[in-house]
Each structure stands twice: as structure tokens, then as C-alpha cells.
């Protein structure tokens, strides 16, 4: 019985570590600034303009930088003039649109 508990505990630990590495991690402003200064990511202002241009007159609700699978992306949440909340995800390295969906 002890052997099964040890094996089960190890499997659970490996799964927990594996799953946490797949999850997106939000970066703080200091990390974002450092990545920007290193030229790894584009300026937030540039990507915000790109996102907001998709819905003229929209208002920004939130923007956050995240890292998932080694890739950096800005997730921008805005509300359109019609009152619809949109979630726009842009690749922070090259500005490519990853997704644009109603939230």
C-alpha cells in the first residue's frame, strides 16, 4: 500500500508541474519593461493602437502581458461603442492577431 501511495504522489507531482508549465502566466510591469528594453516585445502603446483601431470609438478596459508556451501575448479587453466587450489577443513580439472574440 505504501508503494502505491508513493507512486501516486509522484505522478500527481509530475502532473502538477507539467500542467503549471502549460498555463499562461501574467507578467508584471517590471518584467514587461525589461522585455521591451531588450527588444523582445513591441511597445504596449503600439499594440493598443492596433487593437483599438479594430473598433473605433471603443474604450480600453484592461491590458495584460502573458507568457504561454514560451510566447508573449498582450490580451486586450475593450468595450465597443455598442457596449459589447471584446477580448483581443496579439502576439507581443510581432503584433500578429491571435484572437478577437466577444467576451
N, C-alpha and C. Protein backbone atom coordinates (compact mmCIF):
# COMPACT_ATOMS: atom_id res chain seq x y z
N UNK A 1 0.82 -1.20 0.00
CA UNK A 1 0.00 0.00 0.00
C UNK A 1 0.86 1.26 0.00
N UNK A 2 1.98 1.25 0.77
CA UNK A 2 2.85 2.41 0.82
C UNK A 2 3.46 2.70 -0.54
N UNK A 3 3.80 1.64 -1.28
CA UNK A 3 4.38 1.81 -2.60
C UNK A 3 3.41 2.53 -3.53
N UNK A 4 2.14 2.14 -3.50
CA UNK A 4 1.13 2.77 -4.35
C UNK A 4 0.94 4.23 -3.99
N UNK A 5 0.99 4.58 -2.72
CA UNK A 5 0.85 5.97 -2.31
C UNK A 5 2.03 6.80 -2.79
N UNK A 6 3.23 6.24 -2.71
CA UNK A 6 4.43 6.96 -3.18
C UNK A 6 4.36 7.19 -4.68
N UNK A 7 4.00 6.16 -5.41
CA UNK A 7 3.91 6.27 -6.87
C UNK A 7 2.81 7.27 -7.22
N UNK A 8 1.67 7.17 -6.55
CA UNK A 8 0.58 8.10 -6.81
C UNK A 8 0.96 9.54 -6.50
N UNK A 9 1.70 9.75 -5.43
CA UNK A 9 2.15 11.09 -5.06
C UNK A 9 3.11 11.65 -6.09
N UNK A 10 4.00 10.80 -6.57
CA UNK A 10 4.98 11.24 -7.59
C UNK A 10 4.28 11.58 -8.90
N UNK A 11 3.34 10.75 -9.29
CA UNK A 11 2.58 11.02 -10.51
C UNK A 11 1.82 12.34 -10.38
N UNK A 12 1.19 12.54 -9.24
CA UNK A 12 0.45 13.79 -9.01
C UNK A 12 1.38 14.99 -9.07
N UNK A 13 2.57 14.87 -8.50
CA UNK A 13 3.54 15.97 -8.52
C UNK A 13 3.99 16.26 -9.94
N UNK A 14 4.29 15.23 -10.71
CA UNK A 14 4.72 15.41 -12.10
C UNK A 14 3.60 16.07 -12.90
N UNK A 15 2.37 15.63 -12.73
CA UNK A 15 1.24 16.23 -13.45
C UNK A 15 1.04 17.68 -13.06
N UNK A 16 1.20 17.99 -11.78
CA UNK A 16 1.03 19.36 -11.32
C UNK A 16 2.09 20.27 -11.95
N UNK A 17 3.33 19.82 -11.97
CA UNK A 17 4.41 20.61 -12.57
C UNK A 17 4.18 20.77 -14.07
N UNK A 18 3.79 19.68 -14.73
CA UNK A 18 3.55 19.73 -16.16
C UNK A 18 2.42 20.68 -16.50
N UNK A 19 1.30 20.57 -15.80
CA UNK A 19 0.14 21.43 -16.06
C UNK A 19 0.44 22.89 -15.77
N UNK A 20 1.20 23.17 -14.74
CA UNK A 20 1.52 24.56 -14.42
C UNK A 20 2.42 25.17 -15.48
N UNK A 21 3.24 24.35 -16.14
CA UNK A 21 4.10 24.88 -17.20
C UNK A 21 3.31 25.20 -18.46
N UNK A 22 2.14 24.58 -18.63
CA UNK A 22 1.29 24.85 -19.79
C UNK A 22 0.41 26.07 -19.58
N UNK A 23 0.15 26.42 -18.36
CA UNK A 23 -0.74 27.54 -18.06
C UNK A 23 -0.07 28.86 -18.41
N UNK A 24 -0.88 29.82 -18.78
CA UNK A 24 -0.37 31.15 -19.06
C UNK A 24 0.01 31.84 -17.76
N UNK A 25 1.05 32.64 -17.84
CA UNK A 25 1.50 33.38 -16.67
C UNK A 25 1.47 34.86 -17.01
N UNK A 26 0.77 35.64 -16.18
CA UNK A 26 0.74 37.08 -16.36
C UNK A 26 2.05 37.66 -15.88
N UNK A 27 2.62 38.57 -16.67
CA UNK A 27 3.87 39.21 -16.31
C UNK A 27 3.57 40.56 -15.67
N UNK A 28 4.40 40.97 -14.74
CA UNK A 28 4.19 42.26 -14.11
C UNK A 28 4.84 43.36 -14.95
N UNK A 29 4.63 44.61 -14.54
CA UNK A 29 5.10 45.74 -15.36
C UNK A 29 6.62 45.82 -15.42
N UNK A 30 7.32 45.38 -14.39
CA UNK A 30 8.78 45.39 -14.43
C UNK A 30 9.30 44.39 -15.45
N UNK A 31 8.69 43.20 -15.49
CA UNK A 31 9.08 42.19 -16.47
C UNK A 31 8.79 42.69 -17.89
N UNK A 32 7.63 43.32 -18.07
CA UNK A 32 7.27 43.85 -19.38
C UNK A 32 8.24 44.92 -19.83
N UNK A 33 8.62 45.82 -18.93
CA UNK A 33 9.56 46.88 -19.26
C UNK A 33 10.92 46.29 -19.67
N UNK A 34 11.37 45.31 -18.94
CA UNK A 34 12.66 44.68 -19.26
C UNK A 34 12.62 44.01 -20.63
N UNK A 35 11.53 43.29 -20.93
CA UNK A 35 11.39 42.65 -22.24
C UNK A 35 11.34 43.68 -23.36
N UNK A 36 10.67 44.80 -23.11
CA UNK A 36 10.58 45.87 -24.11
C UNK A 36 11.95 46.48 -24.34
N UNK A 37 12.69 46.75 -23.27
CA UNK A 37 14.02 47.34 -23.40
C UNK A 37 14.99 46.40 -24.11
N UNK A 38 14.78 45.11 -23.96
CA UNK A 38 15.63 44.12 -24.64
C UNK A 38 15.22 43.92 -26.09
N UNK A 39 14.09 44.51 -26.48
CA UNK A 39 13.60 44.36 -27.85
C UNK A 39 12.88 43.04 -28.09
N UNK A 40 12.51 42.35 -27.03
CA UNK A 40 11.81 41.07 -27.17
C UNK A 40 10.36 41.28 -27.56
N UNK A 41 9.73 42.31 -27.00
CA UNK A 41 8.32 42.59 -27.30
C UNK A 41 8.18 44.01 -27.84
N UNK A 42 7.08 44.24 -28.53
CA UNK A 42 6.76 45.57 -29.06
C UNK A 42 6.20 46.45 -27.94
N UNK A 43 6.23 47.77 -28.14
CA UNK A 43 5.65 48.67 -27.13
C UNK A 43 4.14 48.43 -26.98
N UNK A 44 3.69 48.45 -25.75
CA UNK A 44 2.26 48.27 -25.48
C UNK A 44 1.43 49.29 -26.24
N UNK A 45 1.89 50.54 -26.29
CA UNK A 45 1.13 51.60 -26.97
C UNK A 45 0.85 51.24 -28.42
N UNK A 46 1.83 50.66 -29.09
CA UNK A 46 1.67 50.28 -30.49
C UNK A 46 0.60 49.19 -30.64
N UNK A 47 0.64 48.22 -29.76
CA UNK A 47 -0.34 47.13 -29.84
C UNK A 47 -1.72 47.58 -29.40
N UNK A 48 -1.79 48.51 -28.45
CA UNK A 48 -3.09 49.06 -28.05
C UNK A 48 -3.73 49.81 -29.21
N UNK A 49 -2.94 50.59 -29.93
CA UNK A 49 -3.48 51.31 -31.10
C UNK A 49 -4.04 50.33 -32.11
N UNK A 50 -3.32 49.25 -32.33
CA UNK A 50 -3.74 48.23 -33.28
C UNK A 50 -5.06 47.59 -32.83
N UNK A 51 -5.16 47.27 -31.56
CA UNK A 51 -6.38 46.65 -31.04
C UNK A 51 -7.56 47.62 -31.10
N UNK A 52 -7.35 48.85 -30.67
CA UNK A 52 -8.41 49.85 -30.62
C UNK A 52 -8.88 50.23 -32.03
N UNK A 53 -7.99 50.16 -33.01
CA UNK A 53 -8.34 50.50 -34.39
C UNK A 53 -9.34 49.51 -34.97
N UNK A 54 -9.40 48.32 -34.42
CA UNK A 54 -10.36 47.31 -34.89
C UNK A 54 -11.80 47.73 -34.57
N UNK A 55 -11.96 48.55 -33.51
CA UNK A 55 -13.28 49.00 -33.06
C UNK A 55 -13.20 50.48 -32.72
N UNK A 56 -13.26 51.35 -33.74
CA UNK A 56 -13.14 52.79 -33.50
C UNK A 56 -14.15 53.28 -32.45
N UNK A 57 -13.67 54.12 -31.56
CA UNK A 57 -14.51 54.68 -30.51
C UNK A 57 -14.61 53.79 -29.28
N UNK A 58 -13.97 52.63 -29.32
CA UNK A 58 -14.05 51.73 -28.18
C UNK A 58 -13.24 52.27 -27.01
N UNK A 59 -13.51 51.73 -25.82
CA UNK A 59 -12.80 52.14 -24.61
C UNK A 59 -12.04 50.94 -24.04
N UNK A 60 -10.84 51.20 -23.61
CA UNK A 60 -9.99 50.16 -23.03
C UNK A 60 -10.47 49.80 -21.63
N UNK A 61 -10.61 48.51 -21.37
CA UNK A 61 -10.96 48.04 -20.04
C UNK A 61 -9.74 47.49 -19.31
N UNK A 62 -8.92 46.72 -20.04
CA UNK A 62 -7.78 46.07 -19.41
C UNK A 62 -6.80 45.60 -20.48
N UNK A 63 -5.52 45.61 -20.13
CA UNK A 63 -4.48 45.05 -20.99
C UNK A 63 -3.48 44.35 -20.10
N UNK A 64 -3.11 43.13 -20.48
CA UNK A 64 -2.10 42.42 -19.70
C UNK A 64 -1.20 41.60 -20.62
N UNK A 65 0.04 41.50 -20.20
CA UNK A 65 1.03 40.71 -20.92
C UNK A 65 1.10 39.34 -20.27
N UNK A 66 1.05 38.31 -21.11
CA UNK A 66 1.17 36.96 -20.57
C UNK A 66 2.17 36.15 -21.38
N UNK A 67 2.69 35.13 -20.74
CA UNK A 67 3.62 34.21 -21.39
C UNK A 67 3.02 32.82 -21.32
N UNK A 68 2.91 32.18 -22.47
CA UNK A 68 2.37 30.83 -22.53
C UNK A 68 3.14 30.06 -23.60
N UNK A 69 3.61 28.90 -23.26
CA UNK A 69 4.39 28.07 -24.18
C UNK A 69 5.60 28.83 -24.74
N UNK A 70 6.17 29.70 -23.93
CA UNK A 70 7.35 30.45 -24.35
C UNK A 70 7.06 31.63 -25.25
N UNK A 71 5.79 31.90 -25.51
CA UNK A 71 5.38 33.01 -26.38
C UNK A 71 4.76 34.12 -25.53
N UNK A 72 5.01 35.37 -25.93
CA UNK A 72 4.45 36.52 -25.23
C UNK A 72 3.26 37.05 -26.02
N UNK A 73 2.19 37.38 -25.29
CA UNK A 73 0.99 37.93 -25.94
C UNK A 73 0.36 38.97 -25.04
N UNK A 74 -0.18 40.01 -25.67
CA UNK A 74 -0.98 41.00 -24.95
C UNK A 74 -2.43 40.63 -25.12
N UNK A 75 -3.13 40.55 -24.02
CA UNK A 75 -4.57 40.33 -24.03
C UNK A 75 -5.23 41.66 -23.70
N UNK A 76 -5.99 42.18 -24.64
CA UNK A 76 -6.61 43.49 -24.50
C UNK A 76 -8.12 43.29 -24.43
N UNK A 77 -8.72 43.88 -23.41
CA UNK A 77 -10.17 43.82 -23.26
C UNK A 77 -10.70 45.23 -23.45
N UNK A 78 -11.68 45.37 -24.33
CA UNK A 78 -12.26 46.68 -24.58
C UNK A 78 -13.76 46.57 -24.74
N UNK A 79 -14.42 47.72 -24.63
CA UNK A 79 -15.87 47.76 -24.83
C UNK A 79 -16.12 48.65 -26.05
N UNK A 80 -16.91 48.12 -26.98
CA UNK A 80 -17.19 48.85 -28.22
C UNK A 80 -18.24 49.92 -27.96
N UNK A 81 -18.47 50.75 -28.97
CA UNK A 81 -19.49 51.80 -28.85
C UNK A 81 -20.89 51.20 -28.70
N UNK A 82 -21.06 49.94 -29.11
CA UNK A 82 -22.34 49.24 -28.96
C UNK A 82 -22.47 48.59 -27.59
N UNK A 83 -21.44 48.71 -26.74
CA UNK A 83 -21.48 48.12 -25.42
C UNK A 83 -21.04 46.67 -25.35
N UNK A 84 -20.46 46.17 -26.42
CA UNK A 84 -20.00 44.78 -26.47
C UNK A 84 -18.56 44.71 -25.98
N UNK A 85 -18.30 43.79 -25.05
CA UNK A 85 -16.94 43.60 -24.55
C UNK A 85 -16.22 42.63 -25.48
N UNK A 86 -15.06 43.04 -25.96
CA UNK A 86 -14.24 42.22 -26.87
C UNK A 86 -12.93 41.87 -26.19
N UNK A 87 -12.46 40.67 -26.46
CA UNK A 87 -11.14 40.25 -26.00
C UNK A 87 -10.28 40.05 -27.23
N UNK A 88 -9.22 40.82 -27.30
CA UNK A 88 -8.31 40.76 -28.44
C UNK A 88 -6.96 40.32 -27.92
N UNK A 89 -6.40 39.32 -28.57
CA UNK A 89 -5.09 38.81 -28.15
C UNK A 89 -4.13 39.02 -29.32
N UNK A 90 -3.01 39.69 -29.02
CA UNK A 90 -2.00 40.00 -30.03
C UNK A 90 -0.66 39.43 -29.61
N UNK A 91 0.07 38.88 -30.57
CA UNK A 91 1.42 38.42 -30.32
C UNK A 91 2.26 39.63 -29.95
N UNK A 92 2.87 39.63 -28.79
CA UNK A 92 3.62 40.79 -28.30
C UNK A 92 4.95 40.97 -29.03
N UNK A 93 5.40 39.94 -29.73
CA UNK A 93 6.68 40.02 -30.43
C UNK A 93 6.54 40.64 -31.82
N UNK A 94 5.47 40.26 -32.54
CA UNK A 94 5.33 40.77 -33.92
C UNK A 94 4.01 41.47 -34.19
N UNK A 95 3.11 41.51 -33.21
CA UNK A 95 1.83 42.21 -33.39
C UNK A 95 0.75 41.42 -34.11
N UNK A 96 1.03 40.17 -34.46
CA UNK A 96 0.04 39.36 -35.17
C UNK A 96 -1.19 39.12 -34.30
N UNK A 97 -2.36 39.17 -34.95
CA UNK A 97 -3.61 38.91 -34.25
C UNK A 97 -3.72 37.42 -33.95
N UNK A 98 -3.93 37.09 -32.69
CA UNK A 98 -4.11 35.69 -32.28
C UNK A 98 -5.59 35.37 -32.17
N UNK A 99 -6.35 36.29 -31.55
CA UNK A 99 -7.80 36.08 -31.48
C UNK A 99 -8.51 37.41 -31.26
N UNK A 100 -9.75 37.43 -31.65
CA UNK A 100 -10.65 38.56 -31.45
C UNK A 100 -12.03 37.96 -31.26
N UNK A 101 -12.51 38.00 -30.01
CA UNK A 101 -13.80 37.39 -29.76
C UNK A 101 -14.59 38.19 -28.73
N UNK A 102 -15.89 37.99 -28.77
CA UNK A 102 -16.76 38.63 -27.79
C UNK A 102 -16.51 37.96 -26.45
N UNK A 103 -16.41 38.78 -25.41
CA UNK A 103 -16.11 38.24 -24.07
C UNK A 103 -17.36 38.16 -23.25
